[in-house]
Structures are given as C-alpha cells and as structure tokens.
Amino acid sequence: MTDLEQLDVADLLRLWAGSTTELKRRGVIQTRNMVGEIAEAVAHAYLGGVRGSFSQAGWDIRTDVGERVQVKGIWRTTDRTRRNTSVIRDQNYDTVLIVEFDHFFEHARGYVVSREVVEELFSVTAHVNGRIIKLTARFLNDDRVKKIDLTACLESL
C-alpha cells in the first residue's frame, strides 16, 4: 500500500481524482458519490440483477426475481462514528441492503431488512421528509435483520 503520509496535499488530491476517474471507467461508480456507488456495486455483486438508473426513485437494484432493493452505504472511518444511513423518502422498494465499510474498504458487512420492518422501527423525520435507518443495538439485534459478510463481493470488484 502507498504510504500516504509521505504525499503532499496536491499529490493526495491527484490520487483521489485519478482513483475516482478510474473507478468510473471500470464501471464501479457512475457519479462522485463514491461510498454510495461502491455500496451499490458490492450489492450488485452479491444480488445480481440489474442496477437502476438515477432517474428512477426508490430502488437501486432489481433482482432477477423482481425484488426492488434500496442500497445504503456507510463508511466507518476512524474519526467518525456515523451509524446513520442517508434518508429514504419513498416506498418504491421491497428491501434495504445496508453495506457498511471499514476505514480502508478492506471489509464490508451487510444488513438486509424489509421495508415493513424499516417502517416499523424508524418513523418519518419531518425535517428531512423521510426515514433514516440507524445502526443501533436494537436494530442490529432484531431477528428480522439479516447480517451478511460482503467482503468477498467487495474484493470481486
């Protein structure tokens, strides 16, 4: 691995920009929302099916059996303890797959939950006009939340 501490800010920015461009060229990401895009690529490697476009609302992957899956990504860095997904504003999905990455994107864990359980556990927050899933102990210990290791899917990219 490159020793990033030896690089100046300009070199780090060039590395980031070049990495983003190469990830787009390889089809891993489609926008500059890297965490969300990488989460979708990992979910697609796990589920198969078809990735949705950015113009349709609600789901990110439609499986071969027609299940509409909304994908959410969380990046667990050493300086952030973020445990919340981005907001879900509609109901045009059947299942949510949350992909949680470690600090260096070396490991990925997945949490699969139905829309009904999301709606039961997380109420609509008015100021964002949607639901925000929080990876609390209550959520993680709920028997209806399926936990999966997605590291092999991450490595397959």
N, C-alpha and C. Protein backbone atom coordinates (compact mmCIF):
# COMPACT_ATOMS: atom_id res chain seq x y z
N MET A 1 0.84 -1.17 0.00
CA MET A 1 0.00 0.00 0.00
C MET A 1 0.89 1.24 0.00
N THR A 2 0.45 2.27 -0.67
CA THR A 2 1.18 3.52 -0.73
C THR A 2 1.21 4.18 0.64
N ASP A 3 2.35 4.73 1.01
CA ASP A 3 2.47 5.46 2.27
C ASP A 3 1.93 6.86 2.04
N LEU A 4 0.68 7.08 2.38
CA LEU A 4 0.01 8.35 2.10
C LEU A 4 0.59 9.50 2.92
N GLU A 5 1.18 9.20 4.06
CA GLU A 5 1.75 10.26 4.89
C GLU A 5 2.90 10.97 4.19
N GLN A 6 3.52 10.30 3.23
CA GLN A 6 4.65 10.90 2.51
C GLN A 6 4.20 11.81 1.37
N LEU A 7 2.92 11.79 1.04
CA LEU A 7 2.40 12.60 -0.07
C LEU A 7 1.93 13.96 0.43
N ASP A 8 2.15 14.99 -0.38
CA ASP A 8 1.61 16.30 -0.01
C ASP A 8 0.15 16.37 -0.44
N VAL A 9 -0.53 17.45 -0.08
CA VAL A 9 -1.96 17.59 -0.35
C VAL A 9 -2.24 17.53 -1.85
N ALA A 10 -1.43 18.18 -2.65
CA ALA A 10 -1.65 18.16 -4.10
C ALA A 10 -1.58 16.74 -4.65
N ASP A 11 -0.61 15.96 -4.18
CA ASP A 11 -0.50 14.57 -4.62
C ASP A 11 -1.70 13.74 -4.16
N LEU A 12 -2.15 13.96 -2.92
CA LEU A 12 -3.32 13.24 -2.42
C LEU A 12 -4.56 13.56 -3.25
N LEU A 13 -4.73 14.83 -3.59
CA LEU A 13 -5.89 15.22 -4.40
C LEU A 13 -5.82 14.62 -5.80
N ARG A 14 -4.64 14.60 -6.39
CA ARG A 14 -4.47 13.97 -7.70
C ARG A 14 -4.77 12.47 -7.63
N LEU A 15 -4.31 11.82 -6.56
CA LEU A 15 -4.56 10.39 -6.37
C LEU A 15 -6.06 10.13 -6.23
N TRP A 16 -6.74 10.95 -5.44
CA TRP A 16 -8.18 10.81 -5.26
C TRP A 16 -8.91 11.04 -6.58
N ALA A 17 -8.57 12.09 -7.30
CA ALA A 17 -9.22 12.38 -8.58
C ALA A 17 -8.95 11.28 -9.60
N GLY A 18 -7.72 10.82 -9.65
CA GLY A 18 -7.39 9.75 -10.58
C GLY A 18 -8.08 8.44 -10.23
N SER A 19 -8.17 8.14 -8.94
CA SER A 19 -8.87 6.94 -8.50
C SER A 19 -10.35 7.01 -8.86
N THR A 20 -10.95 8.16 -8.64
CA THR A 20 -12.36 8.34 -8.98
C THR A 20 -12.58 8.16 -10.47
N THR A 21 -11.74 8.76 -11.27
CA THR A 21 -11.86 8.63 -12.73
C THR A 21 -11.71 7.18 -13.16
N GLU A 22 -10.76 6.46 -12.59
CA GLU A 22 -10.54 5.06 -12.96
C GLU A 22 -11.70 4.18 -12.49
N LEU A 23 -12.25 4.44 -11.30
CA LEU A 23 -13.41 3.68 -10.84
C LEU A 23 -14.61 3.91 -11.75
N LYS A 24 -14.77 5.12 -12.24
CA LYS A 24 -15.85 5.39 -13.21
C LYS A 24 -15.59 4.64 -14.52
N ARG A 25 -14.38 4.67 -15.00
CA ARG A 25 -14.04 3.98 -16.25
C ARG A 25 -14.31 2.49 -16.15
N ARG A 26 -14.05 1.92 -14.99
CA ARG A 26 -14.26 0.48 -14.79
C ARG A 26 -15.71 0.13 -14.52
N GLY A 27 -16.57 1.14 -14.37
CA GLY A 27 -17.98 0.88 -14.15
C GLY A 27 -18.37 0.60 -12.72
N VAL A 28 -17.45 0.80 -11.79
CA VAL A 28 -17.77 0.59 -10.37
C VAL A 28 -18.66 1.71 -9.87
N ILE A 29 -18.36 2.94 -10.24
CA ILE A 29 -19.17 4.09 -9.84
C ILE A 29 -19.67 4.81 -11.09
N GLN A 30 -20.76 5.55 -10.93
CA GLN A 30 -21.32 6.33 -12.03
C GLN A 30 -21.31 7.82 -11.73
N THR A 31 -21.20 8.17 -10.45
CA THR A 31 -21.17 9.57 -10.04
C THR A 31 -19.96 9.77 -9.13
N ARG A 32 -19.91 10.90 -8.45
CA ARG A 32 -18.82 11.15 -7.50
C ARG A 32 -19.22 10.80 -6.07
N ASN A 33 -20.42 10.22 -5.87
CA ASN A 33 -20.85 9.75 -4.56
C ASN A 33 -20.22 8.38 -4.33
N MET A 34 -18.97 8.38 -3.99
CA MET A 34 -18.20 7.14 -4.01
C MET A 34 -18.70 6.09 -3.02
N VAL A 35 -19.02 6.44 -1.80
CA VAL A 35 -19.43 5.43 -0.84
C VAL A 35 -20.74 4.78 -1.29
N GLY A 36 -21.70 5.59 -1.67
CA GLY A 36 -22.97 5.04 -2.15
C GLY A 36 -22.81 4.20 -3.39
N GLU A 37 -21.99 4.66 -4.30
CA GLU A 37 -21.77 3.93 -5.55
C GLU A 37 -21.04 2.61 -5.32
N ILE A 38 -20.05 2.62 -4.46
CA ILE A 38 -19.33 1.38 -4.17
C ILE A 38 -20.26 0.40 -3.44
N ALA A 39 -21.10 0.93 -2.56
CA ALA A 39 -22.09 0.08 -1.88
C ALA A 39 -23.01 -0.58 -2.90
N GLU A 40 -23.45 0.18 -3.91
CA GLU A 40 -24.31 -0.39 -4.95
C GLU A 40 -23.57 -1.46 -5.75
N ALA A 41 -22.31 -1.22 -6.06
CA ALA A 41 -21.54 -2.21 -6.81
C ALA A 41 -21.37 -3.50 -6.01
N VAL A 42 -21.11 -3.37 -4.71
CA VAL A 42 -20.98 -4.54 -3.84
C VAL A 42 -22.31 -5.28 -3.76
N ALA A 43 -23.40 -4.53 -3.58
CA ALA A 43 -24.73 -5.14 -3.51
C ALA A 43 -25.07 -5.85 -4.81
N HIS A 44 -24.71 -5.23 -5.93
CA HIS A 44 -24.97 -5.86 -7.23
C HIS A 44 -24.16 -7.15 -7.38
N ALA A 45 -22.91 -7.14 -6.92
CA ALA A 45 -22.09 -8.36 -6.96
C ALA A 45 -22.72 -9.45 -6.11
N TYR A 46 -23.36 -9.09 -5.02
CA TYR A 46 -24.00 -10.06 -4.12
C TYR A 46 -25.33 -10.54 -4.67
N LEU A 47 -26.15 -9.61 -5.16
CA LEU A 47 -27.52 -9.94 -5.54
C LEU A 47 -27.70 -10.31 -7.01
N GLY A 48 -26.82 -9.79 -7.87
CA GLY A 48 -27.06 -9.94 -9.31
C GLY A 48 -28.18 -8.99 -9.71
N GLY A 49 -28.89 -9.34 -10.77
CA GLY A 49 -29.98 -8.50 -11.22
C GLY A 49 -29.49 -7.31 -12.03
N VAL A 50 -30.24 -6.22 -11.95
CA VAL A 50 -29.97 -5.03 -12.75
C VAL A 50 -29.85 -3.82 -11.83
N ARG A 51 -28.82 -3.02 -12.05
CA ARG A 51 -28.71 -1.76 -11.32
C ARG A 51 -29.64 -0.75 -11.94
N GLY A 52 -30.32 0.01 -11.10
CA GLY A 52 -31.24 1.03 -11.58
C GLY A 52 -30.51 2.27 -12.06
N SER A 53 -31.27 3.15 -12.66
CA SER A 53 -30.72 4.44 -13.09
C SER A 53 -30.96 5.46 -12.00
N PHE A 54 -30.35 6.61 -12.17
CA PHE A 54 -30.52 7.65 -11.16
C PHE A 54 -31.83 8.41 -11.35
N SER A 55 -32.52 8.18 -12.47
CA SER A 55 -33.77 8.89 -12.72
C SER A 55 -34.97 8.21 -12.08
N GLN A 56 -34.86 6.92 -11.74
CA GLN A 56 -35.99 6.26 -11.10
C GLN A 56 -35.82 6.31 -9.60
N ALA A 57 -36.93 6.47 -8.92
CA ALA A 57 -36.89 6.64 -7.46
C ALA A 57 -37.04 5.31 -6.75
N GLY A 58 -36.49 5.24 -5.55
CA GLY A 58 -36.78 4.16 -4.63
C GLY A 58 -35.80 3.02 -4.57
N TRP A 59 -35.54 2.37 -5.69
CA TRP A 59 -34.70 1.18 -5.65
C TRP A 59 -33.43 1.39 -6.47
N ASP A 60 -32.41 0.63 -6.09
CA ASP A 60 -31.12 0.72 -6.76
C ASP A 60 -30.81 -0.55 -7.56
N ILE A 61 -31.35 -1.68 -7.11
CA ILE A 61 -31.14 -2.95 -7.80
C ILE A 61 -32.48 -3.68 -7.87
N ARG A 62 -32.77 -4.21 -9.05
CA ARG A 62 -33.91 -5.11 -9.20
C ARG A 62 -33.34 -6.51 -9.43
N THR A 63 -33.66 -7.43 -8.51
CA THR A 63 -33.11 -8.78 -8.61
C THR A 63 -33.79 -9.53 -9.75
N ASP A 64 -33.24 -10.67 -10.07
CA ASP A 64 -33.79 -11.49 -11.15
C ASP A 64 -35.21 -11.96 -10.86
N VAL A 65 -35.61 -11.99 -9.59
CA VAL A 65 -36.98 -12.38 -9.25
C VAL A 65 -37.89 -11.16 -9.04
N GLY A 66 -37.38 -9.96 -9.35
CA GLY A 66 -38.20 -8.75 -9.31
C GLY A 66 -38.19 -7.98 -8.02
N GLU A 67 -37.41 -8.41 -7.04
CA GLU A 67 -37.33 -7.67 -5.77
C GLU A 67 -36.62 -6.35 -6.00
N ARG A 68 -37.19 -5.27 -5.48
CA ARG A 68 -36.60 -3.94 -5.59
C ARG A 68 -35.83 -3.64 -4.31
N VAL A 69 -34.52 -3.45 -4.46
CA VAL A 69 -33.63 -3.29 -3.30
C VAL A 69 -33.06 -1.88 -3.28
N GLN A 70 -33.27 -1.20 -2.18
CA GLN A 70 -32.64 0.10 -1.96
C GLN A 70 -31.33 -0.16 -1.23
N VAL A 71 -30.23 0.42 -1.74
CA VAL A 71 -28.91 0.19 -1.16
C VAL A 71 -28.46 1.46 -0.45
N LYS A 72 -27.94 1.28 0.74
CA LYS A 72 -27.39 2.38 1.53
C LYS A 72 -25.97 2.01 1.94
N GLY A 73 -25.06 2.96 1.86
CA GLY A 73 -23.68 2.72 2.24
C GLY A 73 -23.28 3.54 3.45
N ILE A 74 -22.49 2.93 4.32
CA ILE A 74 -21.93 3.62 5.48
C ILE A 74 -20.45 3.32 5.53
N TRP A 75 -19.65 4.36 5.65
CA TRP A 75 -18.20 4.22 5.72
C TRP A 75 -17.77 4.53 7.14
N ARG A 76 -17.23 3.54 7.84
CA ARG A 76 -16.82 3.68 9.23
C ARG A 76 -15.36 4.09 9.29
N THR A 77 -15.13 5.39 9.32
CA THR A 77 -13.75 5.88 9.42
C THR A 77 -13.34 5.97 10.88
N THR A 78 -12.06 6.14 11.11
CA THR A 78 -11.57 6.19 12.50
C THR A 78 -11.98 7.48 13.20
N ASP A 79 -12.28 8.53 12.45
CA ASP A 79 -12.63 9.80 13.09
C ASP A 79 -14.13 10.07 13.10
N ARG A 80 -14.92 9.13 12.60
CA ARG A 80 -16.37 9.31 12.60
C ARG A 80 -17.03 8.06 13.15
N THR A 81 -18.06 8.27 13.91
CA THR A 81 -18.81 7.14 14.45
C THR A 81 -20.20 7.08 13.82
N ARG A 82 -20.30 7.52 12.60
CA ARG A 82 -21.59 7.57 11.91
C ARG A 82 -22.23 6.19 11.87
N ARG A 83 -23.48 6.14 12.26
CA ARG A 83 -24.24 4.90 12.26
C ARG A 83 -25.57 5.08 11.52
N ASN A 84 -25.74 6.20 10.81
CA ASN A 84 -26.99 6.51 10.12
C ASN A 84 -26.83 6.38 8.62
N THR A 85 -27.88 5.90 7.96
CA THR A 85 -27.90 5.89 6.51
C THR A 85 -28.39 7.24 6.01
N SER A 86 -28.29 7.44 4.71
CA SER A 86 -28.94 8.60 4.12
C SER A 86 -30.45 8.36 4.15
N VAL A 87 -31.20 9.39 3.90
CA VAL A 87 -32.66 9.35 4.06
C VAL A 87 -33.33 8.50 2.98
N ILE A 88 -34.40 7.83 3.37
CA ILE A 88 -35.29 7.11 2.45
C ILE A 88 -36.57 7.92 2.37
N ARG A 89 -36.90 8.42 1.16
CA ARG A 89 -38.03 9.32 1.02
C ARG A 89 -39.26 8.72 0.35
N ASP A 90 -39.18 7.51 -0.12
CA ASP A 90 -40.34 6.94 -0.81
C ASP A 90 -40.54 5.50 -0.38
N GLN A 91 -41.52 4.84 -0.99
CA GLN A 91 -41.82 3.46 -0.65
C GLN A 91 -41.67 2.54 -1.86
N ASN A 92 -40.98 2.96 -2.87
CA ASN A 92 -40.84 2.19 -4.10
C ASN A 92 -39.67 1.21 -3.98
N TYR A 93 -39.71 0.38 -2.94
CA TYR A 93 -38.69 -0.65 -2.73
C TYR A 93 -39.29 -1.74 -1.86
N ASP A 94 -38.69 -2.91 -1.90
CA ASP A 94 -39.15 -4.04 -1.09
C ASP A 94 -38.22 -4.30 0.10
N THR A 95 -36.93 -4.08 -0.13
CA THR A 95 -35.89 -4.43 0.83
C THR A 95 -34.81 -3.36 0.83
N VAL A 96 -34.17 -3.19 1.98
CA VAL A 96 -32.99 -2.32 2.07
C VAL A 96 -31.79 -3.21 2.35
N LEU A 97 -30.71 -2.96 1.64
CA LEU A 97 -29.42 -3.60 1.92
C LEU A 97 -28.44 -2.50 2.29
N ILE A 98 -28.04 -2.50 3.55
CA ILE A 98 -27.06 -1.53 4.04
C ILE A 98 -25.69 -2.18 3.95
N VAL A 99 -24.76 -1.51 3.30
CA VAL A 99 -23.39 -2.01 3.19
C VAL A 99 -22.51 -1.11 4.04
N GLU A 100 -21.86 -1.71 5.03
CA GLU A 100 -21.01 -0.96 5.95
C GLU A 100 -19.55 -1.31 5.66
N PHE A 101 -18.76 -0.27 5.34
CA PHE A 101 -17.35 -0.45 5.02
C PHE A 101 -16.49 -0.06 6.20
N ASP A 102 -15.36 -0.76 6.35
CA ASP A 102 -14.39 -0.35 7.35
C ASP A 102 -13.56 0.81 6.80
N HIS A 103 -12.65 1.30 7.60
CA HIS A 103 -11.89 2.51 7.29
C HIS A 103 -11.18 2.47 5.93
N PHE A 104 -10.57 1.35 5.57
CA PHE A 104 -9.79 1.27 4.33
C PHE A 104 -10.49 0.47 3.23
N PHE A 105 -11.79 0.25 3.37
CA PHE A 105 -12.56 -0.52 2.38
C PHE A 105 -11.96 -1.91 2.18
N GLU A 106 -11.52 -2.51 3.28
CA GLU A 106 -10.98 -3.86 3.21
C GLU A 106 -12.03 -4.90 3.57
N HIS A 107 -13.05 -4.50 4.32
CA HIS A 107 -14.11 -5.40 4.75
C HIS A 107 -15.46 -4.70 4.54
N ALA A 108 -16.48 -5.52 4.26
CA ALA A 108 -17.83 -4.99 4.11
C ALA A 108 -18.81 -5.94 4.79
N ARG A 109 -19.70 -5.36 5.58
CA ARG A 109 -20.77 -6.11 6.23
C ARG A 109 -22.08 -5.63 5.65
N GLY A 110 -23.02 -6.53 5.54
CA GLY A 110 -24.32 -6.17 5.02
C GLY A 110 -25.42 -6.44 6.02
N TYR A 111 -26.46 -5.62 5.94
CA TYR A 111 -27.65 -5.77 6.76
C TYR A 111 -28.85 -5.68 5.82
N VAL A 112 -29.64 -6.74 5.76
CA VAL A 112 -30.80 -6.78 4.89
C VAL A 112 -32.05 -6.72 5.75
N VAL A 113 -32.96 -5.83 5.36
CA VAL A 113 -34.19 -5.65 6.14
C VAL A 113 -35.33 -5.28 5.19
N SER A 114 -36.51 -5.76 5.49
CA SER A 114 -37.67 -5.46 4.64
C SER A 114 -38.17 -4.04 4.87
N ARG A 115 -38.88 -3.52 3.88
CA ARG A 115 -39.46 -2.18 4.00
C ARG A 115 -40.42 -2.12 5.20
N GLU A 116 -41.17 -3.18 5.42
CA GLU A 116 -42.12 -3.19 6.54
C GLU A 116 -41.41 -3.02 7.88
N VAL A 117 -40.28 -3.68 8.04
CA VAL A 117 -39.52 -3.56 9.30
C VAL A 117 -38.92 -2.16 9.41
N VAL A 118 -38.40 -1.61 8.31
CA VAL A 118 -37.88 -0.24 8.32
C VAL A 118 -38.97 0.72 8.79
N GLU A 119 -40.17 0.57 8.24
CA GLU A 119 -41.27 1.47 8.58
C GLU A 119 -41.73 1.28 10.02
N GLU A 120 -41.60 0.06 10.54
CA GLU A 120 -41.96 -0.19 11.93
C GLU A 120 -40.94 0.43 12.89
N LEU A 121 -39.66 0.29 12.57
CA LEU A 121 -38.61 0.72 13.50
C LEU A 121 -38.25 2.20 13.40
N PHE A 122 -38.45 2.81 12.21
CA PHE A 122 -37.98 4.18 12.00
C PHE A 122 -39.11 5.04 11.44
N SER A 123 -39.52 6.01 12.23
CA SER A 123 -40.60 6.89 11.77
C SER A 123 -40.06 7.94 10.81
N VAL A 124 -40.97 8.59 10.12
CA VAL A 124 -40.59 9.66 9.20
C VAL A 124 -40.10 10.84 10.02
N THR A 125 -38.95 11.37 9.65
CA THR A 125 -38.39 12.56 10.29
C THR A 125 -38.80 13.76 9.45
N ALA A 126 -39.53 14.68 10.05
CA ALA A 126 -40.15 15.78 9.30
C ALA A 126 -39.13 16.66 8.58
N HIS A 127 -38.05 17.02 9.23
CA HIS A 127 -37.14 17.99 8.61
C HIS A 127 -36.38 17.43 7.40
N VAL A 128 -36.36 16.10 7.23
CA VAL A 128 -35.76 15.53 6.02
C VAL A 128 -36.80 14.84 5.14
N ASN A 129 -38.04 14.81 5.63
CA ASN A 129 -39.16 14.23 4.89
C ASN A 129 -38.88 12.78 4.49
N GLY A 130 -38.41 11.98 5.45
CA GLY A 130 -38.14 10.59 5.17
C GLY A 130 -37.64 9.84 6.39
N ARG A 131 -37.29 8.60 6.18
CA ARG A 131 -36.81 7.73 7.25
C ARG A 131 -35.29 7.60 7.18
N ILE A 132 -34.66 7.60 8.33
CA ILE A 132 -33.22 7.40 8.43
C ILE A 132 -33.00 6.16 9.28
N ILE A 133 -32.36 5.16 8.69
CA ILE A 133 -32.06 3.94 9.43
C ILE A 133 -30.81 4.19 10.27
N LYS A 134 -30.89 3.82 11.54
CA LYS A 134 -29.76 3.97 12.46
C LYS A 134 -29.32 2.59 12.90
N LEU A 135 -28.04 2.31 12.75
CA LEU A 135 -27.50 1.01 13.14
C LEU A 135 -27.29 0.95 14.64
N THR A 136 -28.40 0.98 15.35
CA THR A 136 -28.40 0.92 16.80
C THR A 136 -28.33 -0.54 17.25
N ALA A 137 -28.08 -0.77 18.52
CA ALA A 137 -28.08 -2.12 19.06
C ALA A 137 -29.46 -2.76 18.85
N ARG A 138 -30.51 -1.99 19.02
CA ARG A 138 -31.88 -2.50 18.82
C ARG A 138 -32.05 -3.01 17.39
N PHE A 139 -31.60 -2.24 16.43
CA PHE A 139 -31.71 -2.64 15.03
C PHE A 139 -30.84 -3.87 14.76
N LEU A 140 -29.58 -3.82 15.15
CA LEU A 140 -28.64 -4.91 14.86
C LEU A 140 -29.02 -6.22 15.54
N ASN A 141 -29.71 -6.15 16.68
CA ASN A 141 -30.11 -7.36 17.40
C ASN A 141 -31.50 -7.86 17.01
N ASP A 142 -32.17 -7.15 16.13
CA ASP A 142 -33.50 -7.57 15.69
C ASP A 142 -33.36 -8.82 14.82
N ASP A 143 -34.10 -9.86 15.13
CA ASP A 143 -34.02 -11.13 14.38
C ASP A 143 -34.44 -10.98 12.93
N ARG A 144 -35.14 -9.91 12.60
CA ARG A 144 -35.60 -9.72 11.22
C ARG A 144 -34.54 -9.06 10.34
N VAL A 145 -33.42 -8.67 10.93
CA VAL A 145 -32.31 -8.07 10.19
C VAL A 145 -31.31 -9.17 9.87
N LYS A 146 -31.14 -9.45 8.59
CA LYS A 146 -30.20 -10.48 8.14
C LYS A 146 -28.81 -9.84 8.03
N LYS A 147 -27.82 -10.48 8.63
CA LYS A 147 -26.44 -9.98 8.60
C LYS A 147 -25.63 -10.87 7.66
N ILE A 148 -24.86 -10.23 6.78
CA ILE A 148 -24.07 -10.98 5.81
C ILE A 148 -22.67 -10.37 5.68
N ASP A 149 -21.71 -11.23 5.41
CA ASP A 149 -20.35 -10.74 5.13
C ASP A 149 -20.24 -10.52 3.64
N LEU A 150 -20.00 -9.28 3.25
CA LEU A 150 -19.91 -8.91 1.84
C LEU A 150 -18.47 -8.65 1.39
N THR A 151 -17.50 -9.04 2.21
CA THR A 151 -16.10 -8.77 1.89
C THR A 151 -15.70 -9.40 0.57
N ALA A 152 -16.12 -10.63 0.29
CA ALA A 152 -15.77 -11.28 -0.97
C ALA A 152 -16.36 -10.52 -2.16
N CYS A 153 -17.57 -9.97 -2.00
CA CYS A 153 -18.18 -9.18 -3.07
C CYS A 153 -17.40 -7.88 -3.29
N LEU A 154 -16.93 -7.26 -2.21
CA LEU A 154 -16.10 -6.07 -2.31
C LEU A 154 -14.80 -6.41 -3.04
N GLU A 155 -14.18 -7.51 -2.65
CA GLU A 155 -12.92 -7.91 -3.27
C GLU A 155 -13.09 -8.28 -4.75
N SER A 156 -14.28 -8.70 -5.13
CA SER A 156 -14.52 -9.10 -6.53
C SER A 156 -14.60 -7.93 -7.48
N LEU A 157 -14.74 -6.72 -6.95
CA LEU A 157 -14.83 -5.55 -7.81
C LEU A 157 -13.50 -5.29 -8.49
